[in-house]
Protein backbone atom coordinates (compact mmCIF):
# COMPACT_ATOMS: atom_id res chain seq x y z
CA MET A 1 228.74 205.16 -65.20
CA ALA A 2 226.09 206.20 -62.72
CA GLU A 3 226.99 209.03 -60.38
CA GLN A 4 227.51 208.03 -56.77
CA ASP A 5 225.15 209.52 -54.22
CA GLY A 6 226.99 212.56 -52.87
CA SER A 7 224.95 212.51 -49.67
CA ALA A 8 225.89 208.93 -48.81
CA VAL A 9 228.70 208.10 -46.40
CA ARG A 10 230.83 204.98 -46.15
CA ASP A 11 230.38 204.36 -42.44
CA GLU A 12 233.47 202.16 -42.10
CA VAL A 13 235.62 204.90 -43.62
CA ALA A 14 234.07 207.75 -41.66
CA ALA A 15 234.53 205.83 -38.40
CA ALA A 16 238.23 205.10 -39.00
CA ARG A 17 240.46 206.57 -36.30
CA ARG A 18 243.99 205.58 -37.36
CA ILE A 19 244.46 206.16 -41.09
CA VAL A 20 247.40 205.56 -43.39
CA VAL A 21 247.43 207.88 -46.42
CA LYS A 22 249.75 207.19 -49.35
CA VAL A 23 250.47 209.83 -51.98
CA GLY A 24 252.45 209.25 -55.15
CA SER A 25 255.16 211.32 -56.77
CA SER A 26 252.91 212.47 -59.59
CA SER A 27 250.59 214.15 -57.09
CA LEU A 28 253.39 216.19 -55.49
CA THR A 29 255.74 217.21 -58.26
CA THR A 30 255.84 219.23 -61.45
CA ALA A 31 256.33 217.65 -64.85
CA ALA A 32 259.99 218.72 -64.66
CA GLY A 33 260.47 216.71 -61.49
CA GLY A 34 260.63 219.41 -58.81
CA LEU A 35 258.35 219.63 -55.81
CA ASP A 36 255.13 221.55 -56.42
CA ALA A 37 254.62 223.56 -53.21
CA ASP A 38 250.98 224.25 -54.03
CA ARG A 39 250.23 220.55 -54.40
CA VAL A 40 251.97 219.72 -51.13
CA ASP A 41 250.08 222.51 -49.35
CA ALA A 42 246.76 221.33 -50.82
CA LEU A 43 247.31 217.82 -49.47
CA VAL A 44 248.39 219.14 -46.07
CA ASP A 45 245.28 221.35 -45.94
CA VAL A 46 243.10 218.28 -46.39
CA LEU A 47 244.94 216.18 -43.79
CA ALA A 48 244.93 219.01 -41.24
CA LYS A 49 241.20 219.53 -41.69
CA VAL A 50 240.55 215.84 -41.10
CA LEU A 51 242.66 215.88 -37.93
CA ASP A 52 240.90 219.03 -36.73
CA GLY A 53 237.50 217.48 -37.33
CA ASP A 54 236.63 220.07 -39.96
CA GLY A 55 235.06 218.79 -43.13
CA LYS A 56 233.69 222.13 -44.26
CA GLY A 57 236.79 223.33 -46.05
CA ASP A 58 237.86 226.43 -44.05
CA GLY A 59 241.17 224.97 -42.88
CA GLY A 60 240.16 223.93 -39.37
CA ARG A 61 242.40 226.49 -37.66
CA ASP A 62 241.53 228.58 -34.65
CA GLY A 63 242.24 232.27 -34.38
CA ASP A 64 246.02 231.97 -34.01
CA GLY A 65 246.41 229.48 -36.83
CA LYS A 66 247.03 226.50 -34.55
CA GLY A 67 245.40 223.13 -35.06
CA GLY A 68 244.48 222.17 -31.51
CA ASP A 69 246.96 220.84 -28.96
CA GLY A 70 248.97 218.72 -31.40
CA LYS A 71 247.99 215.46 -29.67
CA GLY A 72 246.43 213.70 -32.63
CA GLY A 73 243.19 215.00 -34.06
CA ALA A 74 240.49 216.93 -32.28
CA ASN A 75 238.16 214.08 -33.18
CA GLY A 76 240.56 211.33 -32.09
CA LYS A 77 241.85 210.66 -35.59
CA GLU A 78 245.49 209.90 -36.33
CA ILE A 79 247.21 209.95 -39.71
CA VAL A 80 250.39 208.29 -40.95
CA LEU A 81 251.49 209.67 -44.31
CA VAL A 82 253.42 207.42 -46.70
CA SER A 83 254.85 209.86 -49.20
CA SER A 84 256.70 209.23 -52.41
CA GLY A 85 258.51 212.09 -54.07
CA ALA A 86 262.08 212.04 -52.72
CA ILE A 87 263.74 210.87 -55.91
CA ALA A 88 261.47 213.04 -58.06
CA ALA A 89 262.19 216.08 -55.88
CA GLY A 90 265.93 215.55 -56.29
CA LEU A 91 265.94 215.40 -60.09
CA ALA A 92 265.84 219.11 -60.91
CA PRO A 93 268.40 220.19 -58.24
CA LEU A 94 270.85 217.62 -59.66
CA GLY A 95 270.22 218.67 -63.26
CA LEU A 96 268.46 215.41 -64.20
CA ASP A 97 265.59 215.66 -66.66
CA ARG A 98 264.16 212.21 -65.90
CA ARG A 99 264.28 209.49 -63.26
CA PRO A 100 267.62 207.66 -63.66
CA ARG A 101 267.61 203.93 -64.25
CA ASP A 102 270.73 203.08 -62.24
CA LEU A 103 270.47 202.61 -58.49
CA ALA A 104 273.43 204.85 -57.60
CA ARG A 105 271.94 207.96 -59.23
CA GLN A 106 268.50 207.15 -57.82
CA GLN A 107 270.09 207.06 -54.37
CA ALA A 108 271.83 210.38 -55.00
CA ALA A 109 268.55 211.98 -56.09
CA ALA A 110 266.81 210.54 -53.03
CA SER A 111 269.53 211.94 -50.76
CA VAL A 112 268.95 215.45 -52.11
CA GLY A 113 265.20 215.15 -52.54
CA GLN A 114 264.28 213.58 -49.18
CA GLY A 115 265.48 216.64 -47.30
CA LEU A 116 263.55 218.94 -49.62
CA LEU A 117 260.42 216.80 -49.29
CA VAL A 118 260.40 216.70 -45.50
CA ALA A 119 261.30 220.38 -45.24
CA ARG A 120 258.29 221.22 -47.40
CA TYR A 121 256.00 219.06 -45.28
CA THR A 122 257.43 220.53 -42.07
CA ALA A 123 256.74 224.09 -43.22
CA SER A 124 253.30 223.25 -44.56
CA PHE A 125 252.08 221.42 -41.44
CA ALA A 126 253.54 224.21 -39.27
CA ARG A 127 250.78 226.46 -40.62
CA TYR A 128 248.44 224.31 -38.53
CA GLY A 129 250.72 224.05 -35.51
CA ARG A 130 251.50 220.43 -36.28
CA ARG A 131 254.80 218.59 -36.08
CA VAL A 132 256.01 215.87 -38.42
CA GLY A 133 258.51 213.06 -37.97
CA GLN A 134 260.47 211.36 -40.73
CA VAL A 135 260.58 207.53 -40.79
CA LEU A 136 262.66 205.85 -43.50
CA LEU A 137 262.30 202.08 -43.89
CA THR A 138 263.90 199.22 -45.78
CA THR A 139 262.58 195.68 -45.92
CA ASP A 140 265.35 194.65 -43.53
CA ASP A 141 263.88 197.03 -40.95
CA THR A 142 260.56 195.24 -40.99
CA SER A 143 261.02 191.53 -41.67
CA ARG A 144 263.44 190.89 -38.81
CA ARG A 145 261.79 190.57 -35.41
CA ALA A 146 263.82 193.16 -33.46
CA HIS A 147 263.72 195.71 -36.27
CA TYR A 148 259.97 195.20 -36.69
CA ARG A 149 259.38 195.91 -33.00
CA ASN A 150 261.53 199.03 -33.20
CA ALA A 151 259.61 200.35 -36.21
CA THR A 152 256.31 199.72 -34.44
CA ARG A 153 257.46 201.49 -31.27
CA THR A 154 258.77 204.49 -33.18
CA LEU A 155 255.56 205.02 -35.13
CA ASP A 156 253.36 204.49 -32.08
CA GLN A 157 255.44 206.94 -30.04
CA LEU A 158 255.36 209.60 -32.73
CA LEU A 159 251.57 209.38 -32.83
CA ALA A 160 251.33 209.39 -29.03
CA MET A 161 253.42 212.57 -28.90
CA GLY A 162 251.24 214.33 -31.44
CA ALA A 163 253.62 214.14 -34.41
CA LEU A 164 252.46 213.04 -37.84
CA PRO A 165 254.82 210.33 -39.18
CA ILE A 166 255.94 210.75 -42.78
CA VAL A 167 257.14 207.38 -44.05
CA ASN A 168 259.17 206.66 -47.15
CA GLU A 169 261.43 203.91 -48.36
CA ASN A 170 265.05 204.57 -47.45
CA ASP A 171 266.07 204.92 -51.09
CA THR A 172 269.41 206.47 -50.15
CA VAL A 173 270.83 203.22 -48.71
CA ALA A 174 268.47 200.47 -49.93
CA THR A 175 269.93 197.96 -52.37
CA ASP A 176 268.05 196.10 -55.07
CA GLU A 177 267.78 193.10 -52.76
CA ILE A 178 266.15 194.99 -49.86
CA ARG A 179 263.81 197.40 -51.63
CA PHE A 180 260.03 197.48 -51.39
CA GLY A 181 259.94 198.48 -55.05
CA ASP A 182 257.00 200.86 -54.75
CA ASN A 183 255.38 202.86 -51.99
CA ASP A 184 251.93 201.38 -52.61
CA ARG A 185 253.10 198.07 -51.18
CA LEU A 186 254.99 199.90 -48.44
CA ALA A 187 251.78 201.73 -47.49
CA ALA A 188 249.83 198.48 -47.24
CA LEU A 189 252.48 197.02 -44.96
CA VAL A 190 252.66 200.19 -42.84
CA ALA A 191 248.87 200.02 -42.42
CA HIS A 192 249.35 196.55 -40.96
CA LEU A 193 252.34 197.66 -38.88
CA VAL A 194 250.43 200.50 -37.14
CA ARG A 195 247.14 198.56 -36.90
CA ALA A 196 245.35 201.11 -39.07
CA ASP A 197 241.59 201.23 -39.51
CA LEU A 198 241.87 202.47 -43.09
CA LEU A 199 244.32 202.85 -45.97
CA VAL A 200 243.78 205.62 -48.53
CA LEU A 201 245.79 205.40 -51.76
CA LEU A 202 245.99 208.73 -53.60
CA SER A 203 246.92 208.80 -57.25
CA ASP A 204 246.43 210.85 -60.41
CA VAL A 205 243.41 208.68 -61.31
CA ASP A 206 240.12 208.92 -59.42
CA GLY A 207 239.70 205.18 -58.90
CA LEU A 208 239.95 201.75 -60.49
CA TYR A 209 238.36 201.45 -63.93
CA ASP A 210 237.33 198.36 -65.87
CA GLY A 211 239.75 199.41 -68.61
CA ASP A 212 241.91 202.33 -69.63
CA PRO A 213 240.09 205.36 -68.13
CA ARG A 214 241.08 207.40 -71.18
CA THR A 215 239.10 205.05 -73.42
CA PRO A 216 235.43 205.97 -74.02
CA GLY A 217 232.98 203.51 -72.52
CA THR A 218 235.06 202.45 -69.53
CA SER A 219 233.53 202.78 -66.08
CA ARG A 220 234.88 203.28 -62.60
CA ILE A 221 234.47 200.33 -60.24
CA ASP A 222 232.85 201.71 -57.09
CA GLU A 223 233.40 198.71 -54.79
CA VAL A 224 235.53 195.58 -54.71
CA ARG A 225 234.43 192.88 -52.26
CA GLY A 226 236.86 190.21 -53.38
CA PRO A 227 239.14 189.02 -56.21
CA GLU A 228 236.16 187.80 -58.19
CA ASP A 229 235.03 191.41 -58.66
CA LEU A 230 238.17 192.02 -60.73
CA ASP A 231 237.76 189.05 -63.07
CA GLY A 232 238.12 190.28 -66.63
CA VAL A 233 239.27 193.76 -65.57
CA SER A 234 242.25 195.09 -67.53
CA ILE A 235 244.64 196.88 -65.17
CA GLY A 236 247.32 199.11 -66.68
CA SER A 237 250.91 198.89 -65.49
CA ALA A 238 252.17 202.46 -65.79
CA GLY A 239 251.32 205.82 -64.31
CA ARG A 240 250.78 208.92 -66.43
CA SER A 241 253.55 211.19 -65.23
CA GLY A 242 256.69 209.08 -65.56
CA VAL A 243 258.19 210.29 -62.27
CA GLY A 244 256.91 207.45 -60.07
CA THR A 245 257.48 203.69 -60.00
CA GLY A 246 253.94 202.48 -59.48
CA GLY A 247 250.79 202.20 -61.53
CA MET A 248 247.35 200.71 -61.10
CA VAL A 249 248.81 197.21 -60.83
CA THR A 250 250.78 198.10 -57.70
CA LYS A 251 247.76 199.86 -56.16
CA VAL A 252 245.49 196.87 -56.67
CA GLU A 253 248.19 194.61 -55.22
CA ALA A 254 248.54 196.95 -52.23
CA ALA A 255 244.78 196.85 -51.74
CA ARG A 256 244.89 193.05 -51.83
CA ILE A 257 247.62 192.93 -49.17
CA ALA A 258 245.88 195.44 -46.90
CA THR A 259 242.36 194.01 -47.16
CA ALA A 260 243.66 190.48 -46.55
CA ALA A 261 245.15 191.86 -43.31
CA GLY A 262 241.80 193.33 -42.28
CA VAL A 263 242.37 196.93 -43.44
CA PRO A 264 239.81 198.43 -45.89
CA VAL A 265 241.15 200.60 -48.71
CA VAL A 266 239.97 203.64 -50.64
CA LEU A 267 241.65 204.33 -53.98
CA THR A 268 241.08 207.77 -55.48
CA SER A 269 242.83 210.86 -56.81
CA ALA A 270 244.73 213.33 -54.63
CA SER A 271 242.25 216.03 -55.64
CA ARG A 272 239.47 214.03 -53.96
CA ALA A 273 241.37 213.16 -50.79
CA GLY A 274 239.05 215.20 -48.59
CA ASP A 275 235.94 213.38 -49.74
CA ALA A 276 237.68 210.02 -49.42
CA LEU A 277 238.80 210.67 -45.83
CA LEU A 278 235.34 211.88 -44.80
CA GLY A 279 233.76 208.67 -46.05
CA ARG A 280 232.01 210.16 -49.04
CA PRO A 281 231.65 207.54 -51.78
CA THR A 282 234.41 208.68 -54.11
CA GLY A 283 236.89 206.46 -55.90
CA THR A 284 236.98 202.70 -55.40
CA PHE A 285 236.36 201.11 -52.00
CA PHE A 286 238.02 197.75 -51.33
CA HIS A 287 236.26 195.85 -48.54
CA ARG A 288 238.37 193.90 -46.08
CA THR A 289 238.69 190.24 -47.02
CA GLY A 290 240.68 188.90 -44.06
CA ARG A 291 241.09 189.35 -40.35
CA ARG A 292 243.51 191.66 -38.58
CA SER A 293 246.74 189.98 -37.50
CA ALA A 294 249.07 191.23 -34.79
CA ASN A 295 252.34 189.80 -36.10
CA ARG A 296 255.01 190.66 -38.63
CA LEU A 297 254.52 187.65 -40.92
CA LEU A 298 252.73 189.82 -43.48
CA TRP A 299 256.02 191.67 -43.89
CA LEU A 300 257.91 188.41 -44.25
CA ALA A 301 255.53 187.29 -47.00
CA HIS A 302 255.39 190.54 -48.97
CA ALA A 303 258.42 192.66 -48.11
CA SER A 304 261.35 190.29 -47.82
CA ALA A 305 263.60 189.24 -50.67
CA PRO A 306 264.82 185.64 -50.21
CA ARG A 307 268.60 185.36 -50.08
CA GLY A 308 268.53 181.64 -50.81
CA ALA A 309 266.35 178.54 -50.83
CA LEU A 310 265.91 175.26 -49.00
CA THR A 311 264.34 172.26 -50.71
CA LEU A 312 262.14 170.20 -48.39
CA ASP A 313 261.24 166.54 -48.67
CA ASP A 314 257.55 165.62 -48.93
CA GLY A 315 257.17 164.97 -45.21
CA ALA A 316 258.65 168.33 -44.27
CA VAL A 317 256.40 170.11 -46.78
CA ARG A 318 253.33 168.55 -45.14
CA ALA A 319 254.60 169.43 -41.66
CA VAL A 320 255.33 173.06 -42.55
CA VAL A 321 252.30 173.75 -44.76
CA GLU A 322 249.57 171.66 -43.14
CA ARG A 323 250.63 171.39 -39.50
CA ARG A 324 252.48 174.76 -39.43
CA THR A 325 255.48 173.30 -37.61
CA SER A 326 259.07 174.51 -37.55
CA LEU A 327 261.50 173.25 -40.18
CA LEU A 328 264.01 170.76 -38.77
CA PRO A 329 267.29 169.67 -40.41
CA ALA A 330 265.90 166.19 -41.05
CA GLY A 331 263.37 167.57 -43.54
CA ILE A 332 265.87 169.41 -45.76
CA ALA A 333 266.90 167.85 -49.07
CA ALA A 334 269.04 170.62 -50.60
CA VAL A 335 270.26 174.18 -50.13
CA GLU A 336 271.17 176.96 -52.57
CA GLY A 337 272.26 180.57 -52.34
CA GLU A 338 274.51 182.56 -50.04
CA PHE A 339 272.90 183.72 -46.82
CA THR A 340 273.66 184.22 -43.15
CA ALA A 341 271.68 183.41 -40.04
CA GLY A 342 268.67 185.71 -39.79
CA ASP A 343 268.23 186.14 -43.55
CA PRO A 344 264.92 185.34 -45.29
CA VAL A 345 264.96 182.15 -47.36
CA GLU A 346 262.43 180.44 -49.58
CA LEU A 347 261.22 176.95 -48.71
CA ARG A 348 260.45 174.82 -51.77
CA ASP A 349 258.96 171.41 -52.45
CA THR A 350 260.79 168.76 -54.46
CA GLN A 351 259.36 170.23 -57.70
CA GLY A 352 260.92 173.62 -56.92
CA ARG A 353 257.62 175.33 -56.06
CA PRO A 354 257.80 177.91 -53.23
CA VAL A 355 255.60 176.81 -50.32
CA ALA A 356 256.80 179.07 -47.50
CA ARG A 357 259.26 181.76 -46.51
CA GLY A 358 261.17 182.09 -43.27
CA LEU A 359 264.14 183.51 -41.39
CA VAL A 360 266.89 180.93 -41.24
CA ASN A 361 268.88 180.19 -38.08
CA PHE A 362 272.09 179.03 -39.78
CA ASP A 363 274.52 180.31 -42.42
CA ALA A 364 274.29 178.72 -45.86
CA LYS A 365 277.70 177.09 -45.45
CA GLU A 366 276.50 175.29 -42.31
CA ILE A 367 273.39 173.74 -43.86
CA PRO A 368 274.99 170.90 -45.92
CA GLN A 369 276.25 169.14 -42.79
CA LEU A 370 272.76 169.33 -41.26
CA ILE A 371 270.74 167.93 -44.17
CA GLY A 372 268.62 164.92 -43.30
CA ARG A 373 269.92 164.59 -39.74
CA SER A 374 268.14 164.68 -36.40
CA THR A 375 268.77 167.53 -33.99
CA ARG A 376 269.75 164.99 -31.31
CA ASP A 377 272.54 163.56 -33.47
CA LEU A 378 273.69 167.05 -34.44
CA ALA A 379 273.84 168.16 -30.82
CA ARG A 380 275.86 165.09 -29.87
CA GLU A 381 278.35 165.59 -32.71
CA LEU A 382 278.51 169.38 -33.14
CA GLY A 383 277.33 170.76 -29.82
CA PRO A 384 274.09 171.99 -28.20
CA ALA A 385 273.88 175.05 -30.50
CA TYR A 386 272.82 172.69 -33.29
CA GLU A 387 269.90 171.17 -31.40
CA ARG A 388 267.40 173.66 -32.83
CA GLU A 389 265.18 174.41 -35.78
CA VAL A 390 266.56 175.59 -39.10
CA VAL A 391 263.51 177.86 -39.39
CA HIS A 392 261.31 178.39 -36.33
CA ARG A 393 257.56 178.41 -36.91
CA ASP A 394 257.34 181.92 -35.40
CA ASP A 395 259.65 183.11 -38.21
CA LEU A 396 257.85 181.26 -40.98
CA VAL A 397 254.92 182.14 -43.23
CA VAL A 398 253.15 179.72 -45.58
CA LEU A 399 252.65 181.18 -49.07
CA ASP A 400 249.30 181.08 -50.87
């Protein structure tokens, strides 16, 4: 592999003002599962220097150790940190020697570890006179319209008040049905939520390779401009440390989600975070492939777990997929699952293939009496509350 030009700068990265940085458990913890204070401090040092506009490596602090006025960065930059590590940090204090498989013990470890994680960040950023704010999310908080708006407002307000948001999945209360599954995907969705200019994924590997990086002869992929650049590339599914849930597969998928939403991505190791944030050509750079969107449908497509399914007749499939209309009762052929109004459901064609996903306006038990009928007839027989869409087009996303 040819060395990248150390003097070059990725202009799009260097110009980014609002940046989401995701760091994995393996970059923050010891092999035994406890928090590594030195690793946390090293990451905070890098982030503080970026906010202070100091790329020279002296910490960016003035004479009294403060990092400016706390209102964002001295150079106008803002950072949202998506940090794994809560479950891993809680293992040692609870006497666990490895990440438990059952959800209940994972939640217990997260309950203990999340406090330790945020306390460590709070103390570390305080060295630079910077405040942090904890934001814990589940998919339910972000796929429903009101919850999505609240999450957006909270993050925007934290940034406006000079606090650095630290985001994690709410592992303590999340169930299997409402979990993101990994913080790489969460980071991609947060980048969309806060309208970020850049997403930086930090790992224990310095980029995406065309094979196992431990195998001689493999090379790092410097840039990815589209899916075709990854044709024939073997992407491993597990991380090295065993304390996290992700791997290169989840990072590439996160990059695909973010770039499709108009957010470029840098994938590199935590030890090279400073170079990545300054735009130096380290790691793998994923160019944006889509345009920025200002709605929550990306969350509905990638973060929601369907609670049931509606089968559509051929006419309804064409209306929803091609004309992007709402789903009316007349177009429904069958219903399955147990769900309540407001839950995400999958919309399928008559062959059972998913074509869309949306938030349903009726409980599952109400749907059978609506199937195949016009809203006018339903309103006349059941009342005006039934003269409406089963899934409104504003709450519906067509799947690729």
